[in-house]
Structures are given as structure tokens and as C-alpha cells.
Amino acid sequence: MKDISKMGGMMSTVKKVIITTIVVVVVALGIWWLVIANSPNSNQSTSETTGQEETSQQPAENQEAAVTITYDGNEFAPASVTVKVGDVVKIINNSENVLYFASDEHPTHLDNSELNVGDIEPGSIATFTVSSAGTWGYHDHYNASADGEIIAN
């Protein structure tokens, strides 16, 4: 009789281990999915446009850019732009390196998250729509001395 009760206890322990393992795997997959879903490039879509790749943080297909900011690897031109709330800003990476377009402060990028476009490959274009008024600093995360500002009215 003692052997049968020991087997029942072992089966209960095995079931607990299996259930615990399943819970840990589900939680790990959930955390992984949240990290991937919130990565800098997760809200971006890509399309081909006249030989250049275009990345858009927010839908702007039917809107023309109010301003275009170019990046040569050392600086943005123009360094300061003024736009209206609702305007589309186009960023062109003319450098030979990946540009990580992000809002100030470096390295946290917390001033204005809509400017956190993320990686823009060499020769590619990214757009975003300005949705709030204010003066917002931005920079290349990989070269933080390259910076500029967007003034939105």
C-alpha cells in the first residue's frame, strides 16, 4: 500500500513540474512578444519609392511632406525647421551609415516619442506626422553630436 501512495505523490509532483514549466514558457513568450512589439522599429512599415526605401512611423501615404530634413552623417540640414501640428516631416539619410533618428535627451529619447523613428538605412527615407505643439530636439542616436530641432505650432 505504501508503494501505491508514493507513486500517487510522485505523479502529483510530475504534474506540478509540467504545469510550472508550461506557465514559465507562456510568461517568457509573452515577455518576448512585448519586447518585440515595443522595439523602435515595430511601428514602422516599409515601401519602395523611386529606388529608395521609405519607412513611415505613422500613415502619411496621401500627405506630402511639409519639410524635408536630410542627414549626411555629420549634421542635419536644415538644423531647425518650423511646422504646423499635423504636418508630415520627411527624413532622408544621405549618409553611408544607419541613422537612428530619435528625440532628445540622449540616450533616453523621452522628450517626444513621435520623433523616435528609429533606424533609417543609408539611402532611405522615413516620415512621421507631428501631432503636438512645442519645440522638440532630435539627434542621431549613433552620433549624438548631430542634432536639430523641430518647432511645431
Protein backbone atom coordinates (compact mmCIF):
# COMPACT_ATOMS: atom_id res chain seq x y z
CA MET A 1 0.00 0.00 0.00
CA LYS A 2 2.84 2.37 0.78
CA ASP A 3 4.29 1.93 -2.73
CA ILE A 4 0.98 2.93 -4.38
CA SER A 5 0.66 6.08 -2.28
CA LYS A 6 4.28 7.01 -3.07
CA MET A 7 3.52 6.66 -6.81
CA GLY A 8 0.46 8.88 -6.42
CA GLY A 9 2.63 11.51 -4.72
CA MET A 10 5.24 11.29 -7.47
CA MET A 11 2.55 11.69 -10.16
CA SER A 12 1.29 14.79 -8.37
CA THR A 13 4.84 16.20 -8.29
CA VAL A 14 5.33 15.45 -12.02
CA LYS A 15 2.06 17.22 -12.84
CA LYS A 16 3.14 20.25 -10.82
CA VAL A 17 6.51 20.36 -12.66
CA ILE A 18 4.79 20.10 -16.05
CA ILE A 19 2.27 22.83 -15.20
CA THR A 20 5.02 25.09 -13.80
CA THR A 21 7.10 24.56 -16.95
CA ILE A 22 4.15 25.46 -19.18
CA VAL A 23 3.46 28.62 -17.16
CA VAL A 24 7.13 29.70 -17.34
CA VAL A 25 7.21 29.15 -21.13
CA VAL A 26 3.97 31.12 -21.64
CA VAL A 27 5.23 34.00 -19.49
CA ALA A 28 8.60 34.02 -21.31
CA LEU A 29 6.87 34.10 -24.71
CA GLY A 30 4.62 36.93 -23.50
CA ILE A 31 7.60 39.00 -22.37
CA TRP A 32 9.43 38.29 -25.64
CA TRP A 33 6.38 39.40 -27.64
CA LEU A 34 6.07 42.63 -25.61
CA VAL A 35 9.74 43.46 -26.18
CA ILE A 36 9.46 42.82 -29.93
CA ALA A 37 6.18 44.75 -30.19
CA ASN A 38 7.69 47.78 -28.43
CA SER A 39 11.04 47.85 -30.23
CA PRO A 40 11.90 51.14 -32.01
CA ASN A 41 11.14 49.78 -35.48
CA SER A 42 7.98 47.86 -34.60
CA ASN A 43 5.57 50.66 -35.57
CA GLN A 44 7.17 51.20 -38.93
CA SER A 45 6.14 49.96 -42.33
CA THR A 46 8.31 49.87 -45.40
CA SER A 47 7.60 50.52 -49.08
CA GLU A 48 9.68 51.11 -52.17
CA THR A 49 9.63 54.62 -53.60
CA THR A 50 11.74 55.69 -56.59
CA GLY A 51 14.61 53.39 -55.69
CA GLN A 52 14.70 54.46 -52.04
CA GLU A 53 13.23 52.61 -49.12
CA GLU A 54 10.64 54.63 -47.22
CA THR A 55 9.87 53.99 -43.58
CA SER A 56 6.79 55.57 -42.07
CA GLN A 57 6.08 55.75 -38.35
CA GLN A 58 2.53 56.96 -38.95
CA PRO A 59 0.38 56.64 -42.07
CA ALA A 60 1.30 59.53 -44.33
CA GLU A 61 0.89 57.95 -47.76
CA ASN A 62 -1.61 60.54 -49.01
CA GLN A 63 0.09 63.53 -47.43
CA GLU A 64 3.01 65.44 -48.87
CA ALA A 65 5.84 66.32 -46.52
CA ALA A 66 5.75 69.89 -45.20
CA VAL A 67 9.52 69.79 -44.61
CA THR A 68 12.40 67.54 -45.53
CA ILE A 69 15.38 67.04 -43.25
CA THR A 70 18.49 65.47 -44.76
CA TYR A 71 21.33 63.80 -42.91
CA ASP A 72 24.86 63.48 -44.30
CA GLY A 73 26.43 61.51 -41.45
CA ASN A 74 27.68 64.60 -39.62
CA GLU A 75 24.74 67.02 -39.49
CA PHE A 76 21.09 67.56 -40.30
CA ALA A 77 20.01 70.18 -42.84
CA PRO A 78 18.24 72.33 -42.04
CA ALA A 79 19.13 72.03 -38.37
CA SER A 80 15.92 73.81 -37.33
CA VAL A 81 12.50 73.55 -39.01
CA THR A 82 9.11 75.04 -38.22
CA VAL A 83 5.95 73.06 -38.98
CA LYS A 84 2.28 73.02 -38.08
CA VAL A 85 0.70 70.32 -35.95
CA GLY A 86 -0.48 67.66 -38.41
CA ASP A 87 2.35 68.25 -40.88
CA VAL A 88 4.43 65.39 -42.23
CA VAL A 89 8.20 65.53 -41.75
CA LYS A 90 10.40 63.59 -44.16
CA ILE A 91 13.89 62.47 -43.14
CA ILE A 92 16.37 61.40 -45.83
CA ASN A 93 19.50 59.52 -44.79
CA ASN A 94 22.14 60.55 -47.35
CA SER A 95 24.96 59.14 -45.24
CA GLU A 96 26.78 55.84 -45.65
CA ASN A 97 25.73 54.74 -42.14
CA VAL A 98 22.48 53.81 -40.44
CA LEU A 99 20.81 56.85 -38.88
CA TYR A 100 18.90 56.31 -35.63
CA PHE A 101 16.57 59.34 -35.60
CA ALA A 102 15.42 59.99 -32.03
CA SER A 103 14.13 62.76 -29.78
CA ASP A 104 16.29 64.36 -27.12
CA GLU A 105 17.55 63.70 -24.36
CA HIS A 106 20.27 61.28 -25.34
CA PRO A 107 20.23 58.34 -24.63
CA THR A 108 16.69 58.09 -23.18
CA HIS A 109 14.74 59.80 -26.04
CA LEU A 110 11.87 60.81 -23.75
CA ASP A 111 11.20 64.41 -24.88
CA ASN A 112 8.77 63.48 -27.69
CA SER A 113 8.26 59.85 -28.59
CA GLU A 114 6.74 60.62 -32.00
CA LEU A 115 10.24 61.69 -33.11
CA ASN A 116 11.64 58.27 -32.18
CA VAL A 117 11.63 56.97 -35.74
CA GLY A 118 14.49 54.53 -35.13
CA ASP A 119 16.88 53.14 -37.72
CA ILE A 120 16.89 54.64 -41.21
CA GLU A 121 19.17 52.74 -43.57
CA PRO A 122 21.61 54.60 -45.86
CA GLY A 123 19.76 56.00 -48.87
CA SER A 124 16.37 55.52 -47.20
CA ILE A 125 13.56 57.89 -46.30
CA ALA A 126 11.38 57.97 -43.18
CA THR A 127 8.32 60.09 -42.44
CA PHE A 128 6.30 60.91 -39.37
CA THR A 129 3.40 63.22 -38.57
CA VAL A 130 3.80 65.94 -35.93
CA SER A 131 0.88 65.66 -33.53
CA SER A 132 1.75 68.07 -30.72
CA ALA A 133 2.88 71.69 -30.48
CA GLY A 134 6.22 72.58 -28.96
CA THR A 135 9.94 72.75 -29.63
CA TRP A 136 11.44 69.31 -29.88
CA GLY A 137 15.11 68.46 -30.10
CA TYR A 138 16.27 65.43 -32.03
CA HIS A 139 19.58 63.71 -32.80
CA ASP A 140 21.23 60.68 -34.36
CA HIS A 141 21.47 58.18 -31.50
CA TYR A 142 24.62 56.70 -33.09
CA ASN A 143 26.21 60.18 -33.43
CA ALA A 144 24.59 62.27 -30.69
CA SER A 145 26.54 65.41 -31.64
CA ALA A 146 24.46 65.55 -34.83
CA ASP A 147 21.27 67.25 -33.71
CA GLY A 148 18.50 69.66 -34.61
CA GLU A 149 15.07 70.90 -33.57
CA ILE A 150 11.52 70.87 -34.78
CA ILE A 151 9.28 73.78 -33.81
CA ALA A 152 5.61 72.85 -34.10
CA ASN A 153 2.82 75.45 -33.90
